């Protein structure tokens, strides 16, 4: 999974899916207060670019909250239709739109 991109002459590296999702999100005061917002519009665009290139499998295999720690994550993972998932797991997020 690629967590790095070059944009506007700058290299942007993200540590995990959680950081990409947080920084790709539109600016919200709560995210700023929590320290998870992108530092700039450029970083936000870079995070969106990285997110768009991730696959459905990347998102499923790297949950924001671990399966063992969260009942919602367990419910989602346990109820995935594996036949349908196997047909789309290699699609990029941009291809799902």
PDB file of N, CA and C in Angstrom:
ATOM      1  N   UNK A   1       0.846  -1.167   0.000  1.00  0.00           N
ATOM      2  CA  UNK A   1       0.000   0.000   0.000  1.00  0.00           C
ATOM      3  C   UNK A   1       0.896   1.236   0.000  1.00  0.00           C
ATOM      4  N   UNK A   2       0.601   2.144  -0.893  1.00  0.00           N
ATOM      5  CA  UNK A   2       1.389   3.365  -1.042  1.00  0.00           C
ATOM      6  C   UNK A   2       0.811   4.465  -0.144  1.00  0.00           C
ATOM      7  N   UNK A   3       1.638   4.994   0.728  1.00  0.00           N
ATOM      8  CA  UNK A   3       1.207   6.051   1.650  1.00  0.00           C
ATOM      9  C   UNK A   3       1.982   7.340   1.413  1.00  0.00           C
ATOM     10  N   UNK A   4       2.508   7.505   0.215  1.00  0.00           N
ATOM     11  CA  UNK A   4       3.346   8.660  -0.098  1.00  0.00           C
ATOM     12  C   UNK A   4       2.992   9.170  -1.490  1.00  0.00           C
ATOM     13  N   UNK A   5       3.063  10.489  -1.648  1.00  0.00           N
ATOM     14  CA  UNK A   5       2.871  11.097  -2.960  1.00  0.00           C
ATOM     15  C   UNK A   5       3.684  12.379  -3.030  1.00  0.00           C
ATOM     16  N   UNK A   6       3.975  12.803  -4.240  1.00  0.00           N
ATOM     17  CA  UNK A   6       4.648  14.080  -4.463  1.00  0.00           C
ATOM     18  C   UNK A   6       3.653  15.001  -5.132  1.00  0.00           C
ATOM     19  N   UNK A   7       3.496  16.175  -4.563  1.00  0.00           N
ATOM     20  CA  UNK A   7       2.511  17.129  -5.057  1.00  0.00           C
ATOM     21  C   UNK A   7       3.045  18.535  -4.845  1.00  0.00           C
ATOM     22  N   UNK A   8       2.931  19.360  -5.856  1.00  0.00           N
ATOM     23  CA  UNK A   8       3.400  20.745  -5.767  1.00  0.00           C
ATOM     24  C   UNK A   8       4.883  20.810  -5.396  1.00  0.00           C
ATOM     25  N   UNK A   9       5.648  19.808  -5.842  1.00  0.00           N
ATOM     26  CA  UNK A   9       7.082  19.769  -5.565  1.00  0.00           C
ATOM     27  C   UNK A   9       7.450  19.306  -4.172  1.00  0.00           C
ATOM     28  N   UNK A  10       6.464  18.909  -3.384  1.00  0.00           N
ATOM     29  CA  UNK A  10       6.712  18.433  -2.020  1.00  0.00           C
ATOM     30  C   UNK A  10       6.334  16.963  -1.904  1.00  0.00           C
ATOM     31  N   UNK A  11       7.081  16.240  -1.085  1.00  0.00           N
ATOM     32  CA  UNK A  11       6.773  14.839  -0.813  1.00  0.00           C
ATOM     33  C   UNK A  11       5.936  14.782   0.462  1.00  0.00           C
ATOM     34  N   UNK A  12       4.829  14.068   0.386  1.00  0.00           N
ATOM     35  CA  UNK A  12       3.948  13.890   1.540  1.00  0.00           C
ATOM     36  C   UNK A  12       3.925  12.409   1.884  1.00  0.00           C
ATOM     37  N   UNK A  13       4.290  12.086   3.117  1.00  0.00           N
ATOM     38  CA  UNK A  13       4.334  10.706   3.607  1.00  0.00           C
ATOM     39  C   UNK A  13       3.366  10.592   4.781  1.00  0.00           C
ATOM     40  N   UNK A  14       2.508   9.599   4.734  1.00  0.00           N
ATOM     41  CA  UNK A  14       1.547   9.360   5.805  1.00  0.00           C
ATOM     42  C   UNK A  14       1.883   8.031   6.477  1.00  0.00           C
ATOM     43  N   UNK A  15       1.637   7.941   7.782  1.00  0.00           N
ATOM     44  CA  UNK A  15       2.067   6.745   8.518  1.00  0.00           C
ATOM     45  C   UNK A  15       1.111   5.570   8.387  1.00  0.00           C
ATOM     46  N   UNK A  16      -0.193   5.849   8.171  1.00  0.00           N
ATOM     47  CA  UNK A  16      -1.156   4.752   8.086  1.00  0.00           C
ATOM     48  C   UNK A  16      -2.467   5.246   7.478  1.00  0.00           C
ATOM     49  N   UNK A  17      -3.398   4.323   7.301  1.00  0.00           N
ATOM     50  CA  UNK A  17      -4.703   4.650   6.712  1.00  0.00           C
ATOM     51  C   UNK A  17      -5.438   5.669   7.577  1.00  0.00           C
ATOM     52  N   UNK A  18      -5.350   5.517   8.876  1.00  0.00           N
ATOM     53  CA  UNK A  18      -6.027   6.437   9.800  1.00  0.00           C
ATOM     54  C   UNK A  18      -5.593   7.878   9.546  1.00  0.00           C
ATOM     55  N   UNK A  19      -4.296   8.101   9.381  1.00  0.00           N
ATOM     56  CA  UNK A  19      -3.801   9.454   9.126  1.00  0.00           C
ATOM     57  C   UNK A  19      -4.265   9.959   7.765  1.00  0.00           C
ATOM     58  N   UNK A  20      -4.247   9.106   6.760  1.00  0.00           N
ATOM     59  CA  UNK A  20      -4.711   9.512   5.425  1.00  0.00           C
ATOM     60  C   UNK A  20      -6.173   9.934   5.488  1.00  0.00           C
ATOM     61  N   UNK A  21      -7.007   9.125   6.122  1.00  0.00           N
ATOM     62  CA  UNK A  21      -8.433   9.446   6.217  1.00  0.00           C
ATOM     63  C   UNK A  21      -8.661  10.757   6.966  1.00  0.00           C
ATOM     64  N   UNK A  22      -7.951  10.963   8.055  1.00  0.00           N
ATOM     65  CA  UNK A  22      -8.111  12.187   8.841  1.00  0.00           C
ATOM     66  C   UNK A  22      -7.684  13.414   8.051  1.00  0.00           C
ATOM     67  N   UNK A  23      -6.567  13.319   7.355  1.00  0.00           N
ATOM     68  CA  UNK A  23      -6.034  14.482   6.646  1.00  0.00           C
ATOM     69  C   UNK A  23      -6.723  14.725   5.311  1.00  0.00           C
ATOM     70  N   UNK A  24      -7.364  13.708   4.751  1.00  0.00           N
ATOM     71  CA  UNK A  24      -8.102  13.882   3.496  1.00  0.00           C
ATOM     72  C   UNK A  24      -9.460  14.536   3.741  1.00  0.00           C
ATOM     73  N   UNK A  25      -9.904  14.507   4.977  1.00  0.00           N
ATOM     74  CA  UNK A  25     -11.197  15.062   5.351  1.00  0.00           C
ATOM     75  C   UNK A  25     -11.195  16.582   5.209  1.00  0.00           C
ATOM     76  N   UNK A  26     -12.339  17.143   4.870  1.00  0.00           N
ATOM     77  CA  UNK A  26     -12.451  18.602   4.811  1.00  0.00           C
ATOM     78  C   UNK A  26     -12.176  19.190   6.195  1.00  0.00           C
ATOM     79  N   UNK A  27     -11.663  20.393   6.218  1.00  0.00           N
ATOM     80  CA  UNK A  27     -11.263  21.051   7.462  1.00  0.00           C
ATOM     81  C   UNK A  27     -12.452  21.207   8.410  1.00  0.00           C
ATOM     82  N   UNK A  28     -12.248  20.741   9.637  1.00  0.00           N
ATOM     83  CA  UNK A  28     -13.253  20.868  10.697  1.00  0.00           C
ATOM     84  C   UNK A  28     -12.541  21.301  11.970  1.00  0.00           C
ATOM     85  N   UNK A  29     -13.186  22.164  12.711  1.00  0.00           N
ATOM     86  CA  UNK A  29     -12.547  22.690  13.917  1.00  0.00           C
ATOM     87  C   UNK A  29     -12.225  21.584  14.916  1.00  0.00           C
ATOM     88  N   UNK A  30     -13.078  20.580  15.023  1.00  0.00           N
ATOM     89  CA  UNK A  30     -12.814  19.470  15.940  1.00  0.00           C
ATOM     90  C   UNK A  30     -11.560  18.696  15.566  1.00  0.00           C
ATOM     91  N   UNK A  31     -11.346  18.518  14.248  1.00  0.00           N
ATOM     92  CA  UNK A  31     -10.134  17.828  13.788  1.00  0.00           C
ATOM     93  C   UNK A  31      -8.892  18.653  14.108  1.00  0.00           C
ATOM     94  N   UNK A  32      -9.015  19.968  13.962  1.00  0.00           N
ATOM     95  CA  UNK A  32      -7.891  20.855  14.287  1.00  0.00           C
ATOM     96  C   UNK A  32      -7.582  20.754  15.780  1.00  0.00           C
ATOM     97  N   UNK A  33      -8.616  20.831  16.613  1.00  0.00           N
ATOM     98  CA  UNK A  33      -8.424  20.744  18.064  1.00  0.00           C
ATOM     99  C   UNK A  33      -7.837  19.393  18.480  1.00  0.00           C
ATOM    100  N   UNK A  34      -8.214  18.332  17.769  1.00  0.00           N
ATOM    101  CA  UNK A  34      -7.697  16.994  18.081  1.00  0.00           C
ATOM    102  C   UNK A  34      -6.310  16.757  17.497  1.00  0.00           C
ATOM    103  N   UNK A  35      -5.849  17.687  16.662  1.00  0.00           N
ATOM    104  CA  UNK A  35      -4.518  17.560  16.076  1.00  0.00           C
ATOM    105  C   UNK A  35      -4.413  16.565  14.942  1.00  0.00           C
ATOM    106  N   UNK A  36      -5.550  16.249  14.290  1.00  0.00           N
ATOM    107  CA  UNK A  36      -5.525  15.264  13.206  1.00  0.00           C
ATOM    108  C   UNK A  36      -5.767  15.873  11.827  1.00  0.00           C
ATOM    109  N   UNK A  37      -6.054  17.160  11.767  1.00  0.00           N
ATOM    110  CA  UNK A  37      -6.338  17.820  10.490  1.00  0.00           C
ATOM    111  C   UNK A  37      -5.061  18.005   9.676  1.00  0.00           C
ATOM    112  N   UNK A  38      -5.226  18.112   8.369  1.00  0.00           N
ATOM    113  CA  UNK A  38      -4.088  18.421   7.497  1.00  0.00           C
ATOM    114  C   UNK A  38      -3.535  19.787   7.885  1.00  0.00           C
ATOM    115  N   UNK A  39      -2.227  19.931   7.790  1.00  0.00           N
ATOM    116  CA  UNK A  39      -1.569  21.186   8.157  1.00  0.00           C
ATOM    117  C   UNK A  39      -1.799  22.277   7.122  1.00  0.00           C
ATOM    118  N   UNK A  40      -2.162  21.885   5.904  1.00  0.00           N
ATOM    119  CA  UNK A  40      -2.372  22.857   4.830  1.00  0.00           C
ATOM    120  C   UNK A  40      -3.318  22.274   3.794  1.00  0.00           C
ATOM    121  N   UNK A  41      -3.801  23.128   2.921  1.00  0.00           N
ATOM    122  CA  UNK A  41      -4.639  22.659   1.810  1.00  0.00           C
ATOM    123  C   UNK A  41      -3.864  21.698   0.924  1.00  0.00           C
ATOM    124  N   UNK A  42      -2.570  21.961   0.751  1.00  0.00           N
ATOM    125  CA  UNK A  42      -1.743  21.088  -0.079  1.00  0.00           C
ATOM    126  C   UNK A  42      -1.646  19.686   0.533  1.00  0.00           C
ATOM    127  N   UNK A  43      -1.469  19.620   1.860  1.00  0.00           N
ATOM    128  CA  UNK A  43      -1.398  18.311   2.507  1.00  0.00           C
ATOM    129  C   UNK A  43      -2.733  17.584   2.387  1.00  0.00           C
ATOM    130  N   UNK A  44      -3.839  18.320   2.474  1.00  0.00           N
ATOM    131  CA  UNK A  44      -5.162  17.722   2.322  1.00  0.00           C
ATOM    132  C   UNK A  44      -5.322  17.125   0.921  1.00  0.00           C
ATOM    133  N   UNK A  45      -4.900  17.863  -0.098  1.00  0.00           N
ATOM    134  CA  UNK A  45      -4.968  17.366  -1.476  1.00  0.00           C
ATOM    135  C   UNK A  45      -4.082  16.129  -1.632  1.00  0.00           C
ATOM    136  N   UNK A  46      -2.904  16.148  -1.041  1.00  0.00           N
ATOM    137  CA  UNK A  46      -1.997  14.995  -1.105  1.00  0.00           C
ATOM    138  C   UNK A  46      -2.639  13.770  -0.450  1.00  0.00           C
ATOM    139  N   UNK A  47      -3.273  13.963   0.699  1.00  0.00           N
ATOM    140  CA  UNK A  47      -3.947  12.852   1.378  1.00  0.00           C
ATOM    141  C   UNK A  47      -5.087  12.314   0.522  1.00  0.00           C
ATOM    142  N   UNK A  48      -5.818  13.199  -0.124  1.00  0.00           N
ATOM    143  CA  UNK A  48      -6.903  12.763  -1.012  1.00  0.00           C
ATOM    144  C   UNK A  48      -6.353  11.970  -2.188  1.00  0.00           C
ATOM    145  N   UNK A  49      -5.208  12.376  -2.707  1.00  0.00           N
ATOM    146  CA  UNK A  49      -4.578  11.651  -3.811  1.00  0.00           C
ATOM    147  C   UNK A  49      -4.177  10.245  -3.364  1.00  0.00           C
ATOM    148  N   UNK A  50      -3.542  10.153  -2.201  1.00  0.00           N
ATOM    149  CA  UNK A  50      -3.138   8.845  -1.666  1.00  0.00           C
ATOM    150  C   UNK A  50      -4.369   7.973  -1.436  1.00  0.00           C
ATOM    151  N   UNK A  51      -5.413   8.543  -0.843  1.00  0.00           N
ATOM    152  CA  UNK A  51      -6.646   7.795  -0.592  1.00  0.00           C
ATOM    153  C   UNK A  51      -7.256   7.290  -1.893  1.00  0.00           C
ATOM    154  N   UNK A  52      -7.268   8.113  -2.916  1.00  0.00           N
ATOM    155  CA  UNK A  52      -7.880   7.716  -4.191  1.00  0.00           C
ATOM    156  C   UNK A  52      -7.164   6.540  -4.839  1.00  0.00           C
ATOM    157  N   UNK A  53      -5.877   6.370  -4.529  1.00  0.00           N
ATOM    158  CA  UNK A  53      -5.092   5.281  -5.112  1.00  0.00           C
ATOM    159  C   UNK A  53      -5.114   4.006  -4.270  1.00  0.00           C
ATOM    160  N   UNK A  54      -5.607   4.091  -3.037  1.00  0.00           N
ATOM    161  CA  UNK A  54      -5.725   2.887  -2.212  1.00  0.00           C
ATOM    162  C   UNK A  54      -6.783   1.974  -2.813  1.00  0.00           C
ATOM    163  N   UNK A  55      -6.661   0.683  -2.515  1.00  0.00           N
ATOM    164  CA  UNK A  55      -7.666  -0.263  -2.984  1.00  0.00           C
ATOM    165  C   UNK A  55      -8.689  -0.528  -1.884  1.00  0.00           C
ATOM    166  N   UNK A  56      -9.798  -1.105  -2.295  1.00  0.00           N
ATOM    167  CA  UNK A  56     -10.810  -1.518  -1.326  1.00  0.00           C
ATOM    168  C   UNK A  56     -10.174  -2.471  -0.309  1.00  0.00           C
ATOM    169  N   UNK A  57      -9.311  -3.363  -0.775  1.00  0.00           N
ATOM    170  CA  UNK A  57      -8.621  -4.303   0.122  1.00  0.00           C
ATOM    171  C   UNK A  57      -7.722  -3.574   1.120  1.00  0.00           C
ATOM    172  N   UNK A  58      -7.051  -2.510   0.681  1.00  0.00           N
ATOM    173  CA  UNK A  58      -6.213  -1.730   1.601  1.00  0.00           C
ATOM    174  C   UNK A  58      -7.044  -1.205   2.766  1.00  0.00           C
ATOM    175  N   UNK A  59      -8.222  -0.683   2.452  1.00  0.00           N
ATOM    176  CA  UNK A  59      -9.091  -0.124   3.494  1.00  0.00           C
ATOM    177  C   UNK A  59      -9.589  -1.239   4.420  1.00  0.00           C
ATOM    178  N   UNK A  60     -10.029  -2.349   3.830  1.00  0.00           N
ATOM    179  CA  UNK A  60     -10.546  -3.450   4.655  1.00  0.00           C
ATOM    180  C   UNK A  60      -9.456  -4.068   5.529  1.00  0.00           C
ATOM    181  N   UNK A  61      -8.272  -4.216   4.992  1.00  0.00           N
ATOM    182  CA  UNK A  61      -7.197  -4.891   5.718  1.00  0.00           C
ATOM    183  C   UNK A  61      -6.467  -4.000   6.718  1.00  0.00           C
ATOM    184  N   UNK A  62      -6.805  -2.723   6.744  1.00  0.00           N
ATOM    185  CA  UNK A  62      -6.165  -1.773   7.663  1.00  0.00           C
ATOM    186  C   UNK A  62      -7.224  -0.922   8.353  1.00  0.00           C
ATOM    187  N   UNK A  63      -8.084  -1.547   9.156  1.00  0.00           N
ATOM    188  CA  UNK A  63      -9.151  -0.780   9.801  1.00  0.00           C
ATOM    189  C   UNK A  63      -8.585   0.282  10.750  1.00  0.00           C
ATOM    190  N   UNK A  64      -9.309   1.366  10.876  1.00  0.00           N
ATOM    191  CA  UNK A  64      -8.883   2.455  11.758  1.00  0.00           C
ATOM    192  C   UNK A  64      -8.840   1.977  13.208  1.00  0.00           C
ATOM    193  N   UNK A  65      -9.809   1.162  13.584  1.00  0.00           N
ATOM    194  CA  UNK A  65      -9.837   0.574  14.927  1.00  0.00           C
ATOM    195  C   UNK A  65      -9.748  -0.944  14.757  1.00  0.00           C
ATOM    196  N   UNK A  66      -8.872  -1.568  15.494  1.00  0.00           N
ATOM    197  CA  UNK A  66      -8.635  -3.006  15.359  1.00  0.00           C
ATOM    198  C   UNK A  66      -9.904  -3.825  15.595  1.00  0.00           C
ATOM    199  N   UNK A  67     -10.036  -4.906  14.856  1.00  0.00           N
ATOM    200  CA  UNK A  67     -11.163  -5.833  14.951  1.00  0.00           C
ATOM    201  C   UNK A  67     -11.407  -6.242  16.405  1.00  0.00           C
ATOM    202  N   UNK A  68     -10.354  -6.547  17.114  1.00  0.00           N
ATOM    203  CA  UNK A  68     -10.460  -7.021  18.495  1.00  0.00           C
ATOM    204  C   UNK A  68     -10.955  -5.945  19.462  1.00  0.00           C
ATOM    205  N   UNK A  69     -10.804  -4.684  19.082  1.00  0.00           N
ATOM    206  CA  UNK A  69     -11.103  -3.576  19.991  1.00  0.00           C
ATOM    207  C   UNK A  69     -12.435  -2.882  19.744  1.00  0.00           C
ATOM    208  N   UNK A  70     -13.153  -3.259  18.680  1.00  0.00           N
ATOM    209  CA  UNK A  70     -14.326  -2.468  18.309  1.00  0.00           C
ATOM    210  C   UNK A  70     -15.439  -3.343  17.752  1.00  0.00           C
ATOM    211  N   UNK A  71     -16.606  -3.275  18.381  1.00  0.00           N
ATOM    212  CA  UNK A  71     -17.728  -4.108  17.941  1.00  0.00           C
ATOM    213  C   UNK A  71     -18.270  -3.669  16.581  1.00  0.00           C
ATOM    214  N   UNK A  72     -18.190  -2.398  16.237  1.00  0.00           N
ATOM    215  CA  UNK A  72     -18.662  -1.939  14.927  1.00  0.00           C
ATOM    216  C   UNK A  72     -17.754  -2.477  13.824  1.00  0.00           C
ATOM    217  N   UNK A  73     -16.450  -2.432  14.038  1.00  0.00           N
ATOM    218  CA  UNK A  73     -15.509  -3.003  13.068  1.00  0.00           C
ATOM    219  C   UNK A  73     -15.782  -4.490  12.890  1.00  0.00           C
ATOM    220  N   UNK A  74     -16.012  -5.202  13.982  1.00  0.00           N
ATOM    221  CA  UNK A  74     -16.310  -6.641  13.895  1.00  0.00           C
ATOM    222  C   UNK A  74     -17.591  -6.885  13.115  1.00  0.00           C
ATOM    223  N   UNK A  75     -18.620  -6.107  13.388  1.00  0.00           N
ATOM    224  CA  UNK A  75     -19.900  -6.266  12.695  1.00  0.00           C
ATOM    225  C   UNK A  75     -19.736  -6.055  11.191  1.00  0.00           C
ATOM    226  N   UNK A  76     -19.035  -5.005  10.813  1.00  0.00           N
ATOM    227  CA  UNK A  76     -18.814  -4.717   9.393  1.00  0.00           C
ATOM    228  C   UNK A  76     -18.014  -5.839   8.746  1.00  0.00           C
ATOM    229  N   UNK A  77     -16.898  -6.215   9.353  1.00  0.00           N
ATOM    230  CA  UNK A  77     -16.034  -7.250   8.771  1.00  0.00           C
ATOM    231  C   UNK A  77     -16.754  -8.597   8.671  1.00  0.00           C
ATOM    232  N   UNK A  78     -17.502  -8.949   9.697  1.00  0.00           N
ATOM    233  CA  UNK A  78     -18.174 -10.249   9.714  1.00  0.00           C
ATOM    234  C   UNK A  78     -19.327 -10.333   8.721  1.00  0.00           C
ATOM    235  N   UNK A  79     -19.894  -9.191   8.346  1.00  0.00           N
ATOM    236  CA  UNK A  79     -21.043  -9.187   7.440  1.00  0.00           C
ATOM    237  C   UNK A  79     -20.695  -8.901   5.985  1.00  0.00           C
ATOM    238  N   UNK A  80     -19.420  -8.806   5.655  1.00  0.00           N
ATOM    239  CA  UNK A  80     -19.023  -8.561   4.266  1.00  0.00           C
ATOM    240  C   UNK A  80     -19.415  -9.764   3.408  1.00  0.00           C
ATOM    241  N   UNK A  81     -20.039  -9.486   2.276  1.00  0.00           N
ATOM    242  CA  UNK A  81     -20.352 -10.524   1.292  1.00  0.00           C
ATOM    243  C   UNK A  81     -19.052 -10.822   0.554  1.00  0.00           C
ATOM    244  N   UNK A  82     -18.427 -11.940   0.871  1.00  0.00           N
ATOM    245  CA  UNK A  82     -17.101 -12.259   0.333  1.00  0.00           C
ATOM    246  C   UNK A  82     -17.104 -12.406  -1.184  1.00  0.00           C
ATOM    247  N   UNK A  83     -18.189 -12.911  -1.757  1.00  0.00           N
ATOM    248  CA  UNK A  83     -18.268 -13.049  -3.216  1.00  0.00           C
ATOM    249  C   UNK A  83     -18.210 -11.678  -3.868  1.00  0.00           C
ATOM    250  N   UNK A  84     -19.006 -10.752  -3.368  1.00  0.00           N
ATOM    251  CA  UNK A  84     -19.006  -9.389  -3.917  1.00  0.00           C
ATOM    252  C   UNK A  84     -17.670  -8.702  -3.641  1.00  0.00           C
ATOM    253  N   UNK A  85     -17.160  -8.868  -2.434  1.00  0.00           N
ATOM    254  CA  UNK A  85     -15.885  -8.253  -2.062  1.00  0.00           C
ATOM    255  C   UNK A  85     -14.760  -8.712  -2.982  1.00  0.00           C
ATOM    256  N   UNK A  86     -14.699 -10.002  -3.265  1.00  0.00           N
ATOM    257  CA  UNK A  86     -13.636 -10.529  -4.121  1.00  0.00           C
ATOM    258  C   UNK A  86     -13.686  -9.955  -5.533  1.00  0.00           C
ATOM    259  N   UNK A  87     -14.843  -9.495  -5.961  1.00  0.00           N
ATOM    260  CA  UNK A  87     -14.973  -8.890  -7.289  1.00  0.00           C
ATOM    261  C   UNK A  87     -14.438  -7.457  -7.325  1.00  0.00           C
ATOM    262  N   UNK A  88     -14.430  -6.786  -6.181  1.00  0.00           N
ATOM    263  CA  UNK A  88     -14.031  -5.367  -6.164  1.00  0.00           C
ATOM    264  C   UNK A  88     -12.809  -5.062  -5.309  1.00  0.00           C
ATOM    265  N   UNK A  89     -12.241  -6.043  -4.645  1.00  0.00           N
ATOM    266  CA  UNK A  89     -11.169  -5.782  -3.677  1.00  0.00           C
ATOM    267  C   UNK A  89      -9.941  -5.108  -4.277  1.00  0.00           C
ATOM    268  N   UNK A  90      -9.709  -5.271  -5.554  1.00  0.00           N
ATOM    269  CA  UNK A  90      -8.541  -4.656  -6.191  1.00  0.00           C
ATOM    270  C   UNK A  90      -8.855  -3.324  -6.860  1.00  0.00           C
ATOM    271  N   UNK A  91     -10.084  -2.864  -6.748  1.00  0.00           N
ATOM    272  CA  UNK A  91     -10.445  -1.553  -7.294  1.00  0.00           C
ATOM    273  C   UNK A  91      -9.815  -0.464  -6.437  1.00  0.00           C
ATOM    274  N   UNK A  92      -9.365   0.592  -7.079  1.00  0.00           N
ATOM    275  CA  UNK A  92      -8.915   1.755  -6.312  1.00  0.00           C
ATOM    276  C   UNK A  92     -10.154   2.468  -5.780  1.00  0.00           C
ATOM    277  N   UNK A  93      -9.974   3.249  -4.741  1.00  0.00           N
ATOM    278  CA  UNK A  93     -11.097   3.993  -4.177  1.00  0.00           C
ATOM    279  C   UNK A  93     -11.681   4.933  -5.229  1.00  0.00           C
ATOM    280  N   UNK A  94     -10.839   5.500  -6.080  1.00  0.00           N
ATOM    281  CA  UNK A  94     -11.353   6.393  -7.131  1.00  0.00           C
ATOM    282  C   UNK A  94     -12.203   5.639  -8.143  1.00  0.00           C
ATOM    283  N   UNK A  95     -11.968   4.350  -8.322  1.00  0.00           N
ATOM    284  CA  UNK A  95     -12.768   3.555  -9.256  1.00  0.00           C
ATOM    285  C   UNK A  95     -14.139   3.198  -8.698  1.00  0.00           C
ATOM    286  N   UNK A  96     -14.337   3.329  -7.401  1.00  0.00           N
ATOM    287  CA  UNK A  96     -15.616   2.957  -6.800  1.00  0.00           C
ATOM    288  C   UNK A  96     -16.657   4.059  -6.925  1.00  0.00           C
ATOM    289  N   UNK A  97     -16.220   5.250  -7.252  1.00  0.00           N
ATOM    290  CA  UNK A  97     -17.147   6.395  -7.315  1.00  0.00           C
ATOM    291  C   UNK A  97     -17.964   6.393  -8.586  1.00  0.00           C
TER     292      UNK A  97
END
